[in-house]
């Protein structure tokens, strides 16, 4: 009587699914389910086909090494700080570019003011020439006065042409800095400034103590070193955590089902016919972890280096702010002195013109007064643009240039412009 089969043939199919989740606290959760079907041509199997299913759920928790966000959120925290660092570098670049453009624009305003004053000087010279030509005088002295007046007119015309040429060149330079593509069509466009150089105001700069506080809160260099230091602190905390022993607790619940059909198998699982519980504690205590110890020492040295760098950045900020703040004060005083000198020079010119009308002053004296006024006006223009540039320098070193100019970074950062550009 046969007791088996000549060839043992089996066929197996299986399917499984699982879900696992780790949390920043060091907790891990898993859920899994698997089913398999085994069929054979043997004659002594209890179930043929045989269906086996199981369902398990478990949780584990790190208590020392790997516990908490300091150990598990390391790269997330660093990535967030890196995003802030990139935004700070972008903001710093915008501040630098804006300062360059504003400096060029103030040079253009100064050129425009120089043209206006050169025209005024030319009008004074032309008036003197007209007075000499209209006077009923004859002789070598009268001829000399006329020639000298004509010479002064020619000189003032040259000064005006030079100022206009400087204005044109600075306008081209400004367009090159503002545009992405500087072509022939753009080169033909004339810039006509509608602004004037800023006049000094008491609220232009705060007290030195307030200026230092502004720099500490807004200066990009300090912010960037601070972010690197925060990243290094995260690294150091994670490395210190890795030096701890590994102490974990775990628990799991396992259910199984066995039958010749799928439905009874799942019934076994749902009813908990074959449960299995497990829980425990694992402890791993390395005697020496030289790799982690070396990493900790390197991280500590890097942290100290960044602390020194942060202090250097703060010291540099104090120096820069003191220098820029003093520059604003000095340029303001120089502007006031230059403006007083212009007032006096204009009064002297008016007196010389009156004396010349009464024939008690020579042409040379009038021309000298005109030249002194022109020189004093030039000093005012230079002092004015120096003050404007000193303000830019102060706002740049304190990191407040964008805020003071009401410039928002959100559109540039997000890449979406909601305002229509001016054509």
Protein backbone atom coordinates (compact mmCIF):
# COMPACT_ATOMS: atom_id res chain seq x y z
CA UNK A 1 0.00 0.00 0.00
CA UNK A 2 1.58 3.41 -0.96
CA UNK A 3 2.50 5.72 1.90
CA UNK A 4 3.67 8.84 0.02
CA UNK A 5 4.19 10.43 -3.37
CA UNK A 6 7.10 9.91 -5.78
CA UNK A 7 7.88 13.65 -6.01
CA UNK A 8 7.22 16.17 -3.24
CA UNK A 9 5.88 19.38 -4.77
CA UNK A 10 5.10 22.51 -2.80
CA UNK A 11 3.81 25.93 -3.75
CA UNK A 12 4.13 28.92 -1.44
CA UNK A 13 2.73 32.47 -1.65
CA UNK A 14 3.22 35.23 0.91
CA UNK A 15 2.26 38.84 1.41
CA UNK A 16 3.28 41.26 4.14
CA UNK A 17 2.76 44.89 5.06
CA UNK A 18 4.20 47.02 7.80
CA UNK A 19 4.45 50.53 9.13
CA UNK A 20 7.11 51.96 11.39
CA UNK A 21 7.54 55.45 12.79
CA UNK A 22 10.31 57.07 14.73
CA UNK A 23 9.75 60.14 16.90
CA UNK A 24 12.04 62.93 18.03
CA UNK A 25 11.78 61.71 21.59
CA UNK A 26 13.57 58.48 20.72
CA UNK A 27 10.38 56.45 20.57
CA UNK A 28 9.86 53.88 17.81
CA UNK A 29 6.53 52.30 16.89
CA UNK A 30 5.92 49.44 14.46
CA UNK A 31 2.88 47.60 13.18
CA UNK A 32 3.14 44.64 10.80
CA UNK A 33 0.95 41.98 9.24
CA UNK A 34 1.93 39.01 7.12
CA UNK A 35 0.12 36.08 5.53
CA UNK A 36 1.42 33.02 3.70
CA UNK A 37 -0.19 30.11 1.85
CA UNK A 38 1.55 26.77 1.49
CA UNK A 39 0.17 23.93 -0.59
CA UNK A 40 1.77 20.53 -1.17
CA UNK A 41 0.99 17.19 -2.80
CA UNK A 42 1.92 15.34 0.36
CA UNK A 43 -0.78 13.24 1.98
CA UNK A 44 0.16 13.67 5.63
CA UNK A 45 -0.35 17.45 6.04
CA UNK A 46 -2.90 18.52 8.65
CA UNK A 47 -3.87 21.56 6.55
CA UNK A 48 -3.48 21.48 2.81
CA UNK A 49 -3.38 24.26 1.80
CA UNK A 50 -1.96 25.74 4.96
CA UNK A 51 -2.62 29.45 5.66
CA UNK A 52 -0.64 31.24 8.34
CA UNK A 53 -1.25 34.88 9.31
CA UNK A 54 0.21 37.01 12.05
CA UNK A 55 -0.20 40.53 13.35
CA UNK A 56 2.27 42.31 15.61
CA UNK A 57 2.60 45.71 17.23
CA UNK A 58 5.46 47.00 19.31
CA UNK A 59 7.05 50.06 20.78
CA UNK A 60 10.54 50.86 22.02
CA UNK A 61 12.04 53.82 23.82
CA UNK A 62 15.62 55.03 24.19
CA UNK A 63 16.25 56.17 27.75
CA UNK A 64 19.86 57.34 27.53
CA UNK A 65 21.61 57.26 24.18
CA UNK A 66 19.24 58.43 21.47
CA UNK A 67 16.79 60.02 23.92
CA UNK A 68 15.19 63.39 23.18
CA UNK A 69 15.32 65.93 20.38
CA UNK A 70 18.96 66.77 21.06
CA UNK A 71 19.96 63.39 19.70
CA UNK A 72 17.32 62.86 17.02
CA UNK A 73 16.59 66.34 15.62
CA UNK A 74 20.23 67.19 14.96
CA UNK A 75 20.07 67.44 11.17
CA UNK A 76 16.65 69.11 11.18
CA UNK A 77 17.84 71.84 13.53
CA UNK A 78 21.02 72.34 11.53
CA UNK A 79 19.04 72.51 8.28
CA UNK A 80 16.74 75.17 9.75
CA UNK A 81 19.72 77.22 10.86
CA UNK A 82 21.32 76.78 7.43
CA UNK A 83 18.20 78.26 5.81
CA UNK A 84 18.46 81.25 8.15
CA UNK A 85 22.18 81.52 7.37
CA UNK A 86 21.51 81.59 3.63
CA UNK A 87 18.84 84.26 4.12
CA UNK A 88 21.31 86.31 6.18
CA UNK A 89 24.00 86.05 3.50
CA UNK A 90 21.45 87.06 0.86
CA UNK A 91 20.40 90.02 2.98
CA UNK A 92 24.04 91.03 3.43
CA UNK A 93 24.60 90.92 -0.34
CA UNK A 94 21.49 93.04 -0.92
CA UNK A 95 22.72 95.59 1.63
CA UNK A 96 26.12 95.75 -0.08
CA UNK A 97 24.61 96.12 -3.55
CA UNK A 98 22.14 98.75 -2.35
CA UNK A 99 24.92 100.74 -0.67
CA UNK A 100 26.92 100.74 -3.91
CA UNK A 101 23.92 101.91 -5.96
CA UNK A 102 22.96 104.60 -3.44
CA UNK A 103 26.53 105.88 -3.34
CA UNK A 104 26.53 106.18 -7.13
CA UNK A 105 23.16 107.90 -7.05
CA UNK A 106 24.37 110.43 -4.49
CA UNK A 107 27.39 111.11 -6.71
CA UNK A 108 24.93 111.84 -9.51
CA UNK A 109 22.97 114.20 -7.27
CA UNK A 110 26.22 115.93 -6.34
CA UNK A 111 27.03 116.29 -10.05
CA UNK A 112 23.62 117.83 -10.62
CA UNK A 113 24.24 120.29 -7.79
CA UNK A 114 27.67 121.11 -9.24
CA UNK A 115 26.02 121.89 -12.58
CA UNK A 116 23.55 124.20 -10.88
CA UNK A 117 26.31 126.05 -9.07
CA UNK A 118 28.47 126.20 -12.20
CA UNK A 119 25.59 127.83 -14.02
CA UNK A 120 25.26 130.31 -11.19
CA UNK A 121 28.96 131.12 -11.43
CA UNK A 122 28.62 131.56 -15.19
CA UNK A 123 25.72 133.96 -14.68
CA UNK A 124 27.80 136.03 -12.26
CA UNK A 125 30.65 136.17 -14.79
CA UNK A 126 28.34 137.06 -17.65
CA UNK A 127 26.76 139.83 -15.60
CA UNK A 128 30.18 141.26 -14.82
CA UNK A 129 31.08 141.15 -18.52
CA UNK A 130 27.85 142.89 -19.43
CA UNK A 131 28.51 145.58 -16.84
CA UNK A 132 31.98 146.19 -18.25
CA UNK A 133 30.80 146.28 -21.82
CA UNK A 134 27.92 148.64 -20.94
CA UNK A 135 30.06 151.06 -18.97
CA UNK A 136 31.06 154.23 -20.80
CA UNK A 137 34.77 153.68 -20.32
CA UNK A 138 37.72 153.88 -22.65
CA UNK A 139 41.41 153.32 -22.45
CA UNK A 140 43.68 150.39 -21.62
CA UNK A 141 42.20 149.89 -18.14
CA UNK A 142 38.67 149.52 -19.49
CA UNK A 143 39.90 147.20 -22.22
CA UNK A 144 41.69 145.08 -19.60
CA UNK A 145 38.54 144.85 -17.47
CA UNK A 146 36.55 143.63 -20.47
CA UNK A 147 39.18 141.07 -21.47
CA UNK A 148 39.48 139.86 -17.90
CA UNK A 149 35.70 139.46 -17.69
CA UNK A 150 35.65 137.53 -20.96
CA UNK A 151 38.39 135.27 -19.63
CA UNK A 152 36.34 134.58 -16.50
CA UNK A 153 33.26 133.77 -18.62
CA UNK A 154 35.29 131.30 -20.69
CA UNK A 155 36.64 129.72 -17.51
CA UNK A 156 33.13 129.36 -16.05
CA UNK A 157 31.95 127.77 -19.30
CA UNK A 158 34.72 125.20 -19.02
CA UNK A 159 33.74 124.47 -15.42
CA UNK A 160 30.12 123.98 -16.53
CA UNK A 161 31.12 121.67 -19.38
CA UNK A 162 33.31 119.62 -17.02
CA UNK A 163 30.44 119.30 -14.52
CA UNK A 164 28.05 118.21 -17.28
CA UNK A 165 30.55 115.64 -18.55
CA UNK A 166 31.01 114.23 -15.04
CA UNK A 167 27.22 114.05 -14.68
CA UNK A 168 26.94 112.10 -17.94
CA UNK A 169 29.68 109.63 -16.99
CA UNK A 170 28.26 109.02 -13.51
CA UNK A 171 24.82 108.51 -15.07
CA UNK A 172 26.21 105.78 -17.33
CA UNK A 173 27.92 104.16 -14.33
CA UNK A 174 24.67 104.16 -12.37
CA UNK A 175 22.73 102.59 -15.24
CA UNK A 176 25.37 99.86 -15.54
CA UNK A 177 24.99 99.04 -11.83
CA UNK A 178 21.18 99.02 -11.98
CA UNK A 179 20.63 97.00 -15.16
CA UNK A 180 21.18 93.34 -15.90
CA UNK A 181 22.14 94.08 -19.50
CA UNK A 182 23.77 97.38 -20.38
CA UNK A 183 23.23 97.87 -24.11
CA UNK A 184 23.30 100.73 -26.63
CA UNK A 185 19.62 101.53 -26.18
CA UNK A 186 20.00 101.89 -22.42
CA UNK A 187 23.15 103.96 -22.86
CA UNK A 188 21.13 106.58 -24.76
CA UNK A 189 18.63 106.96 -21.92
CA UNK A 190 19.24 110.05 -19.82
CA UNK A 191 18.80 109.93 -16.07
CA UNK A 192 17.22 113.06 -14.62
CA UNK A 193 17.31 112.87 -10.81
CA UNK A 194 14.30 114.32 -9.04
CA UNK A 195 15.83 114.13 -5.56
CA UNK A 196 18.19 116.39 -3.67
CA UNK A 197 21.01 115.43 -1.40
CA UNK A 198 19.62 114.71 2.09
CA UNK A 199 19.73 117.51 4.59
CA UNK A 200 20.96 116.70 8.11
CA UNK A 201 18.23 115.91 10.61
CA UNK A 202 18.48 115.21 14.34
CA UNK A 203 16.84 111.79 13.91
CA UNK A 204 19.28 110.63 11.22
CA UNK A 205 21.38 108.75 13.77
CA UNK A 206 20.55 107.80 17.36
CA UNK A 207 22.88 107.93 20.29
CA UNK A 208 26.04 105.85 20.14
CA UNK A 209 24.67 103.36 22.69
CA UNK A 210 21.50 102.87 20.62
CA UNK A 211 23.58 102.52 17.46
CA UNK A 212 25.61 99.73 19.06
CA UNK A 213 22.41 97.94 20.07
CA UNK A 214 21.10 98.23 16.51
CA UNK A 215 24.30 96.70 15.14
CA UNK A 216 24.16 93.83 17.64
CA UNK A 217 20.60 93.01 16.54
CA UNK A 218 20.80 93.64 12.79
CA UNK A 219 24.37 93.18 11.61
CA UNK A 220 24.49 90.11 9.28
CA UNK A 221 28.04 89.12 10.22
CA UNK A 222 27.07 88.69 13.87
CA UNK A 223 23.92 86.80 12.92
CA UNK A 224 25.84 84.40 10.68
CA UNK A 225 28.49 83.56 13.28
CA UNK A 226 25.73 83.15 15.86
CA UNK A 227 23.92 80.65 13.63
CA UNK A 228 27.13 78.66 13.09
CA UNK A 229 27.64 78.63 16.85
CA UNK A 230 24.10 77.35 17.37
CA UNK A 231 24.73 74.59 14.84
CA UNK A 232 27.91 73.63 16.64
CA UNK A 233 26.00 73.52 19.93
CA UNK A 234 23.54 71.09 18.35
CA UNK A 235 26.42 68.92 17.11
CA UNK A 236 28.09 68.97 20.51
CA UNK A 237 24.90 67.94 22.31
CA UNK A 238 24.35 65.08 19.86
CA UNK A 239 27.92 63.83 20.31
CA UNK A 240 27.65 64.01 24.10
CA UNK A 241 24.46 61.96 23.85
CA UNK A 242 26.29 59.32 21.82
CA UNK A 243 28.75 58.88 24.69
CA UNK A 244 25.99 57.67 27.02
CA UNK A 245 25.24 53.97 27.55
CA UNK A 246 22.41 52.49 25.53
CA UNK A 247 19.41 51.77 27.76
CA UNK A 248 16.21 50.83 25.93
CA UNK A 249 12.84 49.47 26.95
CA UNK A 250 10.58 47.64 24.53
CA UNK A 251 7.25 45.87 24.44
CA UNK A 252 5.45 43.92 21.71
CA UNK A 253 2.20 42.07 21.19
CA UNK A 254 2.00 39.25 18.66
CA UNK A 255 -1.07 37.43 17.34
CA UNK A 256 -1.10 34.44 14.98
CA UNK A 257 -3.65 32.39 13.07
CA UNK A 258 -3.44 28.96 11.38
CA UNK A 259 -6.02 27.15 9.30
CA UNK A 260 -6.76 25.71 5.93
CA UNK A 261 -8.76 28.77 4.81
CA UNK A 262 -8.16 32.50 5.01
CA UNK A 263 -11.25 33.46 7.00
CA UNK A 264 -10.62 31.16 9.98
CA UNK A 265 -7.02 32.35 10.06
CA UNK A 266 -8.10 35.97 10.52
CA UNK A 267 -10.68 34.81 13.06
CA UNK A 268 -7.87 33.34 15.13
CA UNK A 269 -6.11 36.73 15.07
CA UNK A 270 -9.20 38.76 15.91
CA UNK A 271 -10.11 36.47 18.79
CA UNK A 272 -6.56 36.41 20.07
CA UNK A 273 -6.40 32.61 20.04
CA UNK A 274 -2.61 32.49 19.91
CA UNK A 275 -1.24 35.62 21.61
CA UNK A 276 2.35 36.32 22.47
CA UNK A 277 3.50 39.13 24.77
CA UNK A 278 7.06 40.32 25.20
CA UNK A 279 8.73 43.21 27.00
CA UNK A 280 12.16 43.87 28.32
CA UNK A 281 15.07 46.16 28.92
CA UNK A 282 18.38 46.19 27.06
CA UNK A 283 21.56 47.77 28.36
CA UNK A 284 24.71 48.30 26.35
CA UNK A 285 27.68 49.88 28.14
CA UNK A 286 30.76 50.34 25.95
CA UNK A 287 33.93 50.30 28.00
CA UNK A 288 35.63 52.94 25.88
CA UNK A 289 34.23 54.86 22.94
CA UNK A 290 37.33 56.57 21.65
CA UNK A 291 35.79 57.59 18.32
CA UNK A 292 32.92 59.45 19.99
CA UNK A 293 35.30 60.94 22.55
CA UNK A 294 37.56 62.27 19.79
CA UNK A 295 34.52 63.70 17.98
CA UNK A 296 33.44 65.41 21.18
CA UNK A 297 36.86 67.01 21.66
CA UNK A 298 36.92 68.28 18.08
CA UNK A 299 33.39 69.65 18.42
CA UNK A 300 34.33 71.40 21.65
CA UNK A 301 37.37 73.01 20.04
CA UNK A 302 35.25 74.15 17.09
CA UNK A 303 32.70 75.63 19.47
CA UNK A 304 35.40 77.62 21.25
CA UNK A 305 36.77 78.81 17.91
CA UNK A 306 33.31 80.04 16.90
CA UNK A 307 32.88 81.75 20.27
CA UNK A 308 36.10 83.66 19.65
CA UNK A 309 34.95 84.46 16.11
CA UNK A 310 31.62 85.74 17.45
CA UNK A 311 33.41 88.01 19.91
CA UNK A 312 35.66 89.24 17.09
CA UNK A 313 32.57 90.04 15.01
CA UNK A 314 31.08 91.98 17.92
CA UNK A 315 34.34 93.84 18.47
CA UNK A 316 34.54 94.69 14.79
CA UNK A 317 30.95 95.91 14.88
CA UNK A 318 31.74 98.23 17.80
CA UNK A 319 34.72 99.62 15.93
CA UNK A 320 32.81 100.06 12.66
CA UNK A 321 29.81 101.67 14.35
CA UNK A 322 32.00 104.07 16.33
CA UNK A 323 33.83 105.06 13.17
CA UNK A 324 30.65 105.46 11.10
CA UNK A 325 28.82 107.31 13.88
CA UNK A 326 31.72 109.74 14.28
CA UNK A 327 31.87 110.13 10.51
CA UNK A 328 28.24 111.24 10.42
CA UNK A 329 28.84 113.77 13.20
CA UNK A 330 31.99 115.14 11.57
CA UNK A 331 30.46 115.38 8.11
CA UNK A 332 27.46 117.19 9.57
CA UNK A 333 29.75 119.75 11.25
CA UNK A 334 31.74 120.16 8.04
CA UNK A 335 28.56 120.75 6.07
CA UNK A 336 27.39 123.41 8.51
CA UNK A 337 30.78 125.14 8.34
CA UNK A 338 30.80 125.01 4.54
CA UNK A 339 27.29 126.47 4.37
CA UNK A 340 28.33 129.35 6.64
CA UNK A 341 31.33 129.96 4.40
CA UNK A 342 29.06 130.15 1.35
CA UNK A 343 26.86 132.70 3.10
CA UNK A 344 29.87 134.86 3.91
CA UNK A 345 31.35 134.47 0.42
CA UNK A 346 28.05 135.52 -1.16
CA UNK A 347 27.87 138.58 1.08
CA UNK A 348 31.43 139.52 0.14
CA UNK A 349 30.58 139.15 -3.55
CA UNK A 350 27.51 141.32 -3.23
CA UNK A 351 29.55 144.00 -1.47
CA UNK A 352 32.25 143.86 -4.15
CA UNK A 353 29.63 144.15 -6.87
CA UNK A 354 28.16 147.22 -5.17
CA UNK A 355 31.61 148.75 -4.79
CA UNK A 356 32.35 147.96 -8.45
CA UNK A 357 29.16 149.77 -9.44
CA UNK A 358 30.38 152.77 -7.47
CA UNK A 359 33.81 152.44 -9.10
CA UNK A 360 35.46 151.74 -5.76
CA UNK A 361 36.38 148.12 -6.54
CA UNK A 362 38.33 146.61 -9.40
CA UNK A 363 37.34 143.80 -11.73
CA UNK A 364 39.99 141.59 -10.11
CA UNK A 365 38.39 142.05 -6.72
CA UNK A 366 34.96 141.11 -8.09
CA UNK A 367 36.36 138.10 -9.96
CA UNK A 368 38.24 136.99 -6.83
CA UNK A 369 35.00 137.19 -4.83
CA UNK A 370 33.22 135.16 -7.54
CA UNK A 371 35.95 132.52 -7.44
CA UNK A 372 35.84 132.36 -3.66
CA UNK A 373 32.09 131.85 -3.80
CA UNK A 374 32.49 129.09 -6.39
CA UNK A 375 35.12 127.38 -4.24
CA UNK A 376 32.89 127.66 -1.15
CA UNK A 377 29.93 126.23 -3.10
CA UNK A 378 32.12 123.35 -4.22
CA UNK A 379 32.99 122.68 -0.59
CA UNK A 380 29.27 122.59 0.23
CA UNK A 381 28.57 120.06 -2.52
CA UNK A 382 31.43 117.83 -1.37
CA UNK A 383 30.42 118.15 2.27
CA UNK A 384 26.81 117.40 1.35
CA UNK A 385 27.63 114.22 -0.56
CA UNK A 386 30.10 113.23 2.17
CA UNK A 387 27.32 113.48 4.72
CA UNK A 388 24.98 111.42 2.52
CA UNK A 389 27.63 108.72 2.07
CA UNK A 390 28.38 108.77 5.79
CA UNK A 391 24.71 107.99 6.44
CA UNK A 392 24.89 105.07 4.02
CA UNK A 393 28.03 103.81 5.74
CA UNK A 394 26.36 104.08 9.14
CA UNK A 395 23.25 102.22 7.98
CA UNK A 396 25.41 99.55 6.34
CA UNK A 397 27.62 98.85 9.38
CA UNK A 398 24.58 98.72 11.68
CA UNK A 399 22.68 96.45 9.26
CA UNK A 400 19.68 98.81 9.17
CA UNK A 401 19.96 100.02 5.58
CA UNK A 402 17.01 97.98 4.31
CA UNK A 403 14.74 98.81 7.23
CA UNK A 404 15.51 102.54 7.05
CA UNK A 405 14.79 102.54 3.31
CA UNK A 406 11.55 100.52 3.73
CA UNK A 407 12.83 97.66 1.57
CA UNK A 408 11.12 94.29 2.10
CA UNK A 409 13.09 91.09 1.54
CA UNK A 410 10.08 88.76 1.39
CA UNK A 411 9.43 89.23 -2.33
CA UNK A 412 13.04 88.54 -3.24
CA UNK A 413 13.25 85.51 -0.95
CA UNK A 414 9.98 83.98 -2.18
CA UNK A 415 10.66 84.83 -5.81
CA UNK A 416 7.26 86.55 -6.21
CA UNK A 417 6.94 90.23 -7.07
CA UNK A 418 3.50 91.65 -6.33
CA UNK A 419 4.26 95.23 -7.32
CA UNK A 420 4.37 96.41 -10.92
CA UNK A 421 7.85 97.70 -11.79
CA UNK A 422 8.12 101.32 -12.89
CA UNK A 423 8.65 101.49 -16.64
